[in-house]
């Protein structure tokens, strides 16, 4: 989860939140954020399908050290991408965002490959995507319209995210427990639903009508980057939950 940097927002925004809610500029800015995010999700799907249709690539990622390289590459780019996005270099900002989406596509491809090869697996993938879309839409809408200040939750969400990463690594490397995987996935979905609302409010409050086009573009890519990360994380863990529950019912 990327943290908001006050250097990229304006102090006047807080006093103008009510007026900005009906501002055409704000709506256009938020639409740009969501459009970039949707294109990122679509790009991830394309990359995933390319890997799914390459069995050798699947084996390299699923059975070799490449899965850990991709995992830590996603974490690393997730940490450094905001700095690249606000580097005043449009090409570098796009490279950071689309590279992040491509890395996610490669990393989750073995999971998607596994489900697509099982009976009714395609239905589970579609169902997971639909549930994720509805959950994301509802929580993002809440973050957009709520008058409650969610900024105080930032530290909690950061600590919770670190805890979840540690729990996932411990389970993957030591316990390898399906039950623990289910619990971690359920908690992850709940946490990232809250993060989506928090991020949406933060993205909204970054809007400033007097920003020049380059700054608006950087803020929109940054907003898409954050929301994309929350969306794909929820999708992966909702799919994991559905897969475990489907296996237990067989």
C-alpha atoms as a PDB file:
ATOM      1  CA  UNK A   1       0.000   0.000   0.000  1.00  0.00           C
ATOM      2  CA  UNK A   2       1.476   3.326  -1.053  1.00  0.00           C
ATOM      3  CA  UNK A   3       1.401   6.158   1.452  1.00  0.00           C
ATOM      4  CA  UNK A   4       0.115   9.588   0.503  1.00  0.00           C
ATOM      5  CA  UNK A   5       2.821  12.246   0.430  1.00  0.00           C
ATOM      6  CA  UNK A   6       1.714  15.697   1.536  1.00  0.00           C
ATOM      7  CA  UNK A   7       4.171  17.230  -0.913  1.00  0.00           C
ATOM      8  CA  UNK A   8       1.814  16.224  -3.714  1.00  0.00           C
ATOM      9  CA  UNK A   9      -1.360  17.728  -2.225  1.00  0.00           C
ATOM     10  CA  UNK A  10      -2.383  21.250  -1.433  1.00  0.00           C
ATOM     11  CA  UNK A  11      -3.414  22.606   1.984  1.00  0.00           C
ATOM     12  CA  UNK A  12      -6.372  24.409   0.428  1.00  0.00           C
ATOM     13  CA  UNK A  13      -8.062  21.159  -0.520  1.00  0.00           C
ATOM     14  CA  UNK A  14      -9.425  20.297   2.934  1.00  0.00           C
ATOM     15  CA  UNK A  15     -11.411  23.544   3.118  1.00  0.00           C
ATOM     16  CA  UNK A  16     -12.750  23.042  -0.387  1.00  0.00           C
ATOM     17  CA  UNK A  17     -13.830  19.409  -0.154  1.00  0.00           C
ATOM     18  CA  UNK A  18     -17.566  20.125  -0.210  1.00  0.00           C
ATOM     19  CA  UNK A  19     -17.319  22.432  -3.212  1.00  0.00           C
ATOM     20  CA  UNK A  20     -14.939  20.111  -5.031  1.00  0.00           C
ATOM     21  CA  UNK A  21     -17.457  17.246  -4.780  1.00  0.00           C
ATOM     22  CA  UNK A  22     -19.556  18.860  -7.520  1.00  0.00           C
ATOM     23  CA  UNK A  23     -16.628  20.267  -9.474  1.00  0.00           C
ATOM     24  CA  UNK A  24     -16.433  19.139 -13.085  1.00  0.00           C
ATOM     25  CA  UNK A  25     -12.668  19.175 -12.842  1.00  0.00           C
ATOM     26  CA  UNK A  26     -12.755  16.781  -9.914  1.00  0.00           C
ATOM     27  CA  UNK A  27     -15.053  14.405 -11.774  1.00  0.00           C
ATOM     28  CA  UNK A  28     -12.809  14.484 -14.828  1.00  0.00           C
ATOM     29  CA  UNK A  29      -9.768  13.856 -12.645  1.00  0.00           C
ATOM     30  CA  UNK A  30     -11.395  10.893 -10.868  1.00  0.00           C
ATOM     31  CA  UNK A  31     -12.539   9.441 -14.191  1.00  0.00           C
ATOM     32  CA  UNK A  32      -8.946   9.639 -15.390  1.00  0.00           C
ATOM     33  CA  UNK A  33      -7.853   7.746 -12.277  1.00  0.00           C
ATOM     34  CA  UNK A  34     -10.445   5.001 -12.780  1.00  0.00           C
ATOM     35  CA  UNK A  35      -9.743   4.771 -16.511  1.00  0.00           C
ATOM     36  CA  UNK A  36      -6.027   4.254 -15.891  1.00  0.00           C
ATOM     37  CA  UNK A  37      -6.843   1.683 -13.224  1.00  0.00           C
ATOM     38  CA  UNK A  38      -9.236  -0.216 -15.524  1.00  0.00           C
ATOM     39  CA  UNK A  39      -6.658  -0.221 -18.315  1.00  0.00           C
ATOM     40  CA  UNK A  40      -4.095  -1.518 -15.827  1.00  0.00           C
ATOM     41  CA  UNK A  41      -6.381  -4.402 -14.877  1.00  0.00           C
ATOM     42  CA  UNK A  42      -6.987  -5.149 -18.566  1.00  0.00           C
ATOM     43  CA  UNK A  43      -3.239  -5.039 -19.238  1.00  0.00           C
ATOM     44  CA  UNK A  44      -2.645  -7.462 -16.371  1.00  0.00           C
ATOM     45  CA  UNK A  45      -5.230  -9.838 -17.858  1.00  0.00           C
ATOM     46  CA  UNK A  46      -3.436  -9.750 -21.227  1.00  0.00           C
ATOM     47  CA  UNK A  47      -0.035 -10.465 -19.640  1.00  0.00           C
ATOM     48  CA  UNK A  48      -1.552 -13.275 -17.551  1.00  0.00           C
ATOM     49  CA  UNK A  49      -3.111 -14.912 -20.611  1.00  0.00           C
ATOM     50  CA  UNK A  50       0.180 -14.690 -22.500  1.00  0.00           C
ATOM     51  CA  UNK A  51       1.929 -16.561 -19.695  1.00  0.00           C
ATOM     52  CA  UNK A  52      -0.957 -19.026 -19.256  1.00  0.00           C
ATOM     53  CA  UNK A  53      -0.564 -20.037 -22.900  1.00  0.00           C
ATOM     54  CA  UNK A  54       3.151 -20.678 -22.433  1.00  0.00           C
ATOM     55  CA  UNK A  55       3.611 -23.878 -20.355  1.00  0.00           C
ATOM     56  CA  UNK A  56       7.377 -23.418 -20.102  1.00  0.00           C
ATOM     57  CA  UNK A  57       6.913 -19.966 -18.614  1.00  0.00           C
ATOM     58  CA  UNK A  58       4.374 -21.419 -16.184  1.00  0.00           C
ATOM     59  CA  UNK A  59       6.822 -24.027 -14.955  1.00  0.00           C
ATOM     60  CA  UNK A  60       9.596 -21.456 -14.619  1.00  0.00           C
ATOM     61  CA  UNK A  61       7.420 -19.194 -12.482  1.00  0.00           C
ATOM     62  CA  UNK A  62       5.558 -21.816 -10.450  1.00  0.00           C
ATOM     63  CA  UNK A  63       8.401 -24.228  -9.683  1.00  0.00           C
ATOM     64  CA  UNK A  64      11.562 -22.135  -9.740  1.00  0.00           C
ATOM     65  CA  UNK A  65      12.931 -19.127  -7.875  1.00  0.00           C
ATOM     66  CA  UNK A  66      11.268 -16.826 -10.400  1.00  0.00           C
ATOM     67  CA  UNK A  67       8.097 -16.659  -8.283  1.00  0.00           C
ATOM     68  CA  UNK A  68      10.075 -15.057  -5.467  1.00  0.00           C
ATOM     69  CA  UNK A  69      11.853 -12.723  -7.869  1.00  0.00           C
ATOM     70  CA  UNK A  70       8.462 -11.535  -9.131  1.00  0.00           C
ATOM     71  CA  UNK A  71       7.069 -11.279  -5.606  1.00  0.00           C
ATOM     72  CA  UNK A  72       9.856  -9.048  -4.363  1.00  0.00           C
ATOM     73  CA  UNK A  73       9.906  -7.116  -7.650  1.00  0.00           C
ATOM     74  CA  UNK A  74       6.226  -6.250  -7.116  1.00  0.00           C
ATOM     75  CA  UNK A  75       6.947  -5.193  -3.529  1.00  0.00           C
ATOM     76  CA  UNK A  76       9.970  -3.164  -4.580  1.00  0.00           C
ATOM     77  CA  UNK A  77       8.233  -1.379  -7.431  1.00  0.00           C
ATOM     78  CA  UNK A  78       5.248  -0.808  -5.170  1.00  0.00           C
ATOM     79  CA  UNK A  79       7.596   1.074  -2.840  1.00  0.00           C
ATOM     80  CA  UNK A  80       9.528   3.076  -5.457  1.00  0.00           C
ATOM     81  CA  UNK A  81       6.827   3.661  -8.096  1.00  0.00           C
ATOM     82  CA  UNK A  82       5.299   6.750  -6.369  1.00  0.00           C
ATOM     83  CA  UNK A  83       8.686   8.492  -6.517  1.00  0.00           C
ATOM     84  CA  UNK A  84       9.012   7.602 -10.199  1.00  0.00           C
ATOM     85  CA  UNK A  85       5.458   8.704 -10.976  1.00  0.00           C
ATOM     86  CA  UNK A  86       6.092  12.146  -9.455  1.00  0.00           C
ATOM     87  CA  UNK A  87       9.507  12.511 -11.085  1.00  0.00           C
ATOM     88  CA  UNK A  88       8.134  15.072 -13.577  1.00  0.00           C
ATOM     89  CA  UNK A  89       8.991  12.582 -16.318  1.00  0.00           C
ATOM     90  CA  UNK A  90       5.800  11.371 -18.023  1.00  0.00           C
ATOM     91  CA  UNK A  91       7.491   8.444 -19.760  1.00  0.00           C
ATOM     92  CA  UNK A  92       9.023   7.239 -16.482  1.00  0.00           C
ATOM     93  CA  UNK A  93       5.664   7.556 -14.708  1.00  0.00           C
ATOM     94  CA  UNK A  94       3.949   5.426 -17.348  1.00  0.00           C
ATOM     95  CA  UNK A  95       6.797   2.906 -17.315  1.00  0.00           C
ATOM     96  CA  UNK A  96       6.511   2.514 -13.538  1.00  0.00           C
ATOM     97  CA  UNK A  97       2.737   2.017 -13.645  1.00  0.00           C
ATOM     98  CA  UNK A  98       2.532  -0.321 -16.627  1.00  0.00           C
ATOM     99  CA  UNK A  99       5.573  -2.249 -15.428  1.00  0.00           C
ATOM    100  CA  UNK A 100       3.830  -2.765 -12.090  1.00  0.00           C
ATOM    101  CA  UNK A 101       0.722  -4.082 -13.852  1.00  0.00           C
ATOM    102  CA  UNK A 102       2.815  -6.416 -16.026  1.00  0.00           C
ATOM    103  CA  UNK A 103       4.692  -7.814 -13.010  1.00  0.00           C
ATOM    104  CA  UNK A 104       1.397  -8.584 -11.298  1.00  0.00           C
ATOM    105  CA  UNK A 105       0.172 -10.333 -14.451  1.00  0.00           C
ATOM    106  CA  UNK A 106       3.246 -12.554 -14.545  1.00  0.00           C
ATOM    107  CA  UNK A 107       3.130 -13.281 -10.806  1.00  0.00           C
ATOM    108  CA  UNK A 108      -0.514 -14.410 -10.688  1.00  0.00           C
ATOM    109  CA  UNK A 109      -0.409 -16.351 -13.969  1.00  0.00           C
ATOM    110  CA  UNK A 110       0.358 -19.752 -12.332  1.00  0.00           C
ATOM    111  CA  UNK A 111      -2.649 -19.321 -10.052  1.00  0.00           C
ATOM    112  CA  UNK A 112      -4.933 -18.467 -12.966  1.00  0.00           C
ATOM    113  CA  UNK A 113      -3.441 -21.318 -15.003  1.00  0.00           C
ATOM    114  CA  UNK A 114      -4.217 -23.754 -12.184  1.00  0.00           C
ATOM    115  CA  UNK A 115      -7.856 -22.666 -11.932  1.00  0.00           C
ATOM    116  CA  UNK A 116      -8.438 -22.639 -15.678  1.00  0.00           C
ATOM    117  CA  UNK A 117      -7.207 -26.244 -15.846  1.00  0.00           C
ATOM    118  CA  UNK A 118      -9.659 -27.488 -13.186  1.00  0.00           C
ATOM    119  CA  UNK A 119     -13.376 -28.284 -13.617  1.00  0.00           C
ATOM    120  CA  UNK A 120     -15.448 -25.124 -13.199  1.00  0.00           C
ATOM    121  CA  UNK A 121     -12.216 -23.216 -12.627  1.00  0.00           C
ATOM    122  CA  UNK A 122     -13.093 -20.650 -15.264  1.00  0.00           C
ATOM    123  CA  UNK A 123     -16.363 -19.958 -13.459  1.00  0.00           C
ATOM    124  CA  UNK A 124     -14.493 -19.421 -10.194  1.00  0.00           C
ATOM    125  CA  UNK A 125     -12.161 -16.915 -11.852  1.00  0.00           C
ATOM    126  CA  UNK A 126     -15.115 -15.022 -13.321  1.00  0.00           C
ATOM    127  CA  UNK A 127     -16.984 -15.138  -9.998  1.00  0.00           C
ATOM    128  CA  UNK A 128     -13.937 -13.887  -8.113  1.00  0.00           C
ATOM    129  CA  UNK A 129     -13.539 -11.004 -10.560  1.00  0.00           C
ATOM    130  CA  UNK A 130     -17.234 -10.087 -10.264  1.00  0.00           C
ATOM    131  CA  UNK A 131     -17.145 -10.157  -6.452  1.00  0.00           C
ATOM    132  CA  UNK A 132     -13.966  -8.082  -6.478  1.00  0.00           C
ATOM    133  CA  UNK A 133     -15.479  -5.522  -8.849  1.00  0.00           C
ATOM    134  CA  UNK A 134     -18.589  -5.129  -6.691  1.00  0.00           C
ATOM    135  CA  UNK A 135     -16.593  -4.936  -3.451  1.00  0.00           C
ATOM    136  CA  UNK A 136     -14.134  -2.462  -4.936  1.00  0.00           C
ATOM    137  CA  UNK A 137     -16.910  -0.323  -6.417  1.00  0.00           C
ATOM    138  CA  UNK A 138     -18.851  -0.168  -3.155  1.00  0.00           C
ATOM    139  CA  UNK A 139     -15.864   0.659  -0.947  1.00  0.00           C
ATOM    140  CA  UNK A 140     -14.406   3.158  -3.399  1.00  0.00           C
ATOM    141  CA  UNK A 141     -17.787   4.901  -3.641  1.00  0.00           C
ATOM    142  CA  UNK A 142     -17.937   5.049   0.150  1.00  0.00           C
ATOM    143  CA  UNK A 143     -14.491   6.616   0.254  1.00  0.00           C
ATOM    144  CA  UNK A 144     -15.571   9.183  -2.313  1.00  0.00           C
ATOM    145  CA  UNK A 145     -18.829  10.298  -0.688  1.00  0.00           C
ATOM    146  CA  UNK A 146     -18.187   9.885   3.044  1.00  0.00           C
ATOM    147  CA  UNK A 147     -17.707  13.001   5.159  1.00  0.00           C
ATOM    148  CA  UNK A 148     -15.738  11.012   7.723  1.00  0.00           C
ATOM    149  CA  UNK A 149     -12.000  11.703   7.689  1.00  0.00           C
ATOM    150  CA  UNK A 150     -10.281   8.372   7.008  1.00  0.00           C
ATOM    151  CA  UNK A 151      -6.709   9.684   7.057  1.00  0.00           C
ATOM    152  CA  UNK A 152      -6.178   8.542  10.663  1.00  0.00           C
ATOM    153  CA  UNK A 153      -6.497   4.923   9.460  1.00  0.00           C
ATOM    154  CA  UNK A 154      -3.402   5.158   7.270  1.00  0.00           C
ATOM    155  CA  UNK A 155      -0.956   3.953   9.914  1.00  0.00           C
ATOM    156  CA  UNK A 156      -3.214   1.061  10.895  1.00  0.00           C
ATOM    157  CA  UNK A 157      -3.558  -0.065   7.279  1.00  0.00           C
ATOM    158  CA  UNK A 158       0.208   0.120   6.743  1.00  0.00           C
ATOM    159  CA  UNK A 159       0.915  -2.003   9.831  1.00  0.00           C
ATOM    160  CA  UNK A 160      -1.844  -4.458   8.891  1.00  0.00           C
ATOM    161  CA  UNK A 161      -0.453  -4.813   5.367  1.00  0.00           C
ATOM    162  CA  UNK A 162       3.034  -5.567   6.683  1.00  0.00           C
ATOM    163  CA  UNK A 163       1.549  -8.120   9.081  1.00  0.00           C
ATOM    164  CA  UNK A 164      -0.350  -9.814   6.266  1.00  0.00           C
ATOM    165  CA  UNK A 165       2.762 -10.031   4.091  1.00  0.00           C
ATOM    166  CA  UNK A 166       4.680 -11.632   6.961  1.00  0.00           C
ATOM    167  CA  UNK A 167       1.819 -14.074   7.628  1.00  0.00           C
ATOM    168  CA  UNK A 168       1.673 -15.069   3.956  1.00  0.00           C
ATOM    169  CA  UNK A 169       5.424 -15.619   3.779  1.00  0.00           C
ATOM    170  CA  UNK A 170       5.455 -17.671   6.999  1.00  0.00           C
ATOM    171  CA  UNK A 171       2.608 -19.842   5.752  1.00  0.00           C
ATOM    172  CA  UNK A 172       4.158 -20.295   2.301  1.00  0.00           C
ATOM    173  CA  UNK A 173       7.613 -21.175   3.634  1.00  0.00           C
ATOM    174  CA  UNK A 174       6.869 -23.019   6.891  1.00  0.00           C
ATOM    175  CA  UNK A 175       3.319 -24.088   7.687  1.00  0.00           C
ATOM    176  CA  UNK A 176       1.842 -24.449   4.189  1.00  0.00           C
ATOM    177  CA  UNK A 177      -1.567 -24.680   5.834  1.00  0.00           C
ATOM    178  CA  UNK A 178      -4.745 -24.410   3.767  1.00  0.00           C
ATOM    179  CA  UNK A 179      -6.663 -23.305   6.856  1.00  0.00           C
ATOM    180  CA  UNK A 180      -4.198 -20.514   7.576  1.00  0.00           C
ATOM    181  CA  UNK A 181      -4.266 -19.517   3.920  1.00  0.00           C
ATOM    182  CA  UNK A 182      -8.047 -19.196   4.109  1.00  0.00           C
ATOM    183  CA  UNK A 183      -7.908 -17.058   7.266  1.00  0.00           C
ATOM    184  CA  UNK A 184      -5.185 -14.797   5.861  1.00  0.00           C
ATOM    185  CA  UNK A 185      -7.124 -14.333   2.618  1.00  0.00           C
ATOM    186  CA  UNK A 186     -10.328 -13.421   4.474  1.00  0.00           C
ATOM    187  CA  UNK A 187      -8.502 -10.842   6.597  1.00  0.00           C
ATOM    188  CA  UNK A 188      -6.703  -9.499   3.516  1.00  0.00           C
ATOM    189  CA  UNK A 189      -9.971  -8.902   1.677  1.00  0.00           C
ATOM    190  CA  UNK A 190     -11.423  -7.029   4.663  1.00  0.00           C
ATOM    191  CA  UNK A 191      -8.284  -4.928   5.147  1.00  0.00           C
ATOM    192  CA  UNK A 192      -7.974  -4.011   1.490  1.00  0.00           C
ATOM    193  CA  UNK A 193     -11.644  -3.149   1.243  1.00  0.00           C
ATOM    194  CA  UNK A 194     -10.944  -0.564   3.941  1.00  0.00           C
ATOM    195  CA  UNK A 195      -7.749   0.515   2.181  1.00  0.00           C
ATOM    196  CA  UNK A 196      -9.734   1.108  -1.014  1.00  0.00           C
ATOM    197  CA  UNK A 197     -12.035   3.548   0.770  1.00  0.00           C
ATOM    198  CA  UNK A 198      -9.074   5.251   2.451  1.00  0.00           C
ATOM    199  CA  UNK A 199      -7.158   5.556  -0.820  1.00  0.00           C
ATOM    200  CA  UNK A 200     -10.157   6.872  -2.742  1.00  0.00           C
ATOM    201  CA  UNK A 201     -10.692   9.655  -0.228  1.00  0.00           C
ATOM    202  CA  UNK A 202      -6.988  10.505  -0.312  1.00  0.00           C
ATOM    203  CA  UNK A 203      -6.948  10.571  -4.121  1.00  0.00           C
ATOM    204  CA  UNK A 204      -9.992  12.824  -4.141  1.00  0.00           C
ATOM    205  CA  UNK A 205      -8.399  15.244  -1.691  1.00  0.00           C
ATOM    206  CA  UNK A 206      -5.248  15.441  -3.814  1.00  0.00           C
ATOM    207  CA  UNK A 207      -7.265  17.233  -6.474  1.00  0.00           C
ATOM    208  CA  UNK A 208      -6.476  20.907  -6.875  1.00  0.00           C
ATOM    209  CA  UNK A 209      -8.180  22.932  -9.593  1.00  0.00           C
ATOM    210  CA  UNK A 210      -5.114  25.094 -10.255  1.00  0.00           C
ATOM    211  CA  UNK A 211      -2.772  22.169 -10.979  1.00  0.00           C
ATOM    212  CA  UNK A 212      -1.249  22.245 -14.447  1.00  0.00           C
ATOM    213  CA  UNK A 213      -1.843  19.303 -16.768  1.00  0.00           C
ATOM    214  CA  UNK A 214       1.427  17.529 -15.968  1.00  0.00           C
ATOM    215  CA  UNK A 215       0.666  17.461 -12.240  1.00  0.00           C
ATOM    216  CA  UNK A 216      -2.907  16.271 -12.877  1.00  0.00           C
ATOM    217  CA  UNK A 217      -1.527  13.471 -15.041  1.00  0.00           C
ATOM    218  CA  UNK A 218       0.942  12.402 -12.347  1.00  0.00           C
ATOM    219  CA  UNK A 219      -1.736  12.446  -9.654  1.00  0.00           C
ATOM    220  CA  UNK A 220      -4.099  10.422 -11.848  1.00  0.00           C
ATOM    221  CA  UNK A 221      -1.453   7.757 -12.529  1.00  0.00           C
ATOM    222  CA  UNK A 222      -0.534   7.684  -8.843  1.00  0.00           C
ATOM    223  CA  UNK A 223      -4.193   7.258  -7.880  1.00  0.00           C
ATOM    224  CA  UNK A 224      -4.644   4.485 -10.432  1.00  0.00           C
ATOM    225  CA  UNK A 225      -1.492   2.793  -9.141  1.00  0.00           C
ATOM    226  CA  UNK A 226      -2.842   2.675  -5.580  1.00  0.00           C
ATOM    227  CA  UNK A 227      -6.351   1.556  -6.486  1.00  0.00           C
ATOM    228  CA  UNK A 228      -5.032  -1.022  -8.943  1.00  0.00           C
ATOM    229  CA  UNK A 229      -2.896  -2.602  -6.214  1.00  0.00           C
ATOM    230  CA  UNK A 230      -5.894  -2.880  -3.886  1.00  0.00           C
ATOM    231  CA  UNK A 231      -8.120  -4.305  -6.637  1.00  0.00           C
ATOM    232  CA  UNK A 232      -5.729  -7.024  -7.776  1.00  0.00           C
ATOM    233  CA  UNK A 233      -4.854  -7.965  -4.185  1.00  0.00           C
ATOM    234  CA  UNK A 234      -8.538  -8.424  -3.341  1.00  0.00           C
ATOM    235  CA  UNK A 235      -9.068 -10.420  -6.537  1.00  0.00           C
ATOM    236  CA  UNK A 236      -6.227 -12.852  -5.782  1.00  0.00           C
ATOM    237  CA  UNK A 237      -7.437 -13.508  -2.247  1.00  0.00           C
ATOM    238  CA  UNK A 238     -11.116 -13.752  -3.159  1.00  0.00           C
ATOM    239  CA  UNK A 239     -10.142 -16.307  -5.801  1.00  0.00           C
ATOM    240  CA  UNK A 240      -8.119 -18.189  -3.191  1.00  0.00           C
ATOM    241  CA  UNK A 241     -11.101 -18.208  -0.825  1.00  0.00           C
ATOM    242  CA  UNK A 242     -13.458 -19.487  -3.526  1.00  0.00           C
ATOM    243  CA  UNK A 243     -10.940 -22.144  -4.567  1.00  0.00           C
ATOM    244  CA  UNK A 244     -10.508 -23.453  -1.018  1.00  0.00           C
ATOM    245  CA  UNK A 245     -14.240 -23.477  -0.347  1.00  0.00           C
ATOM    246  CA  UNK A 246     -14.917 -25.203  -3.678  1.00  0.00           C
ATOM    247  CA  UNK A 247     -12.332 -27.902  -2.893  1.00  0.00           C
ATOM    248  CA  UNK A 248     -13.781 -28.500   0.587  1.00  0.00           C
ATOM    249  CA  UNK A 249     -17.258 -28.978  -0.912  1.00  0.00           C
ATOM    250  CA  UNK A 250     -16.123 -31.590  -3.422  1.00  0.00           C
END
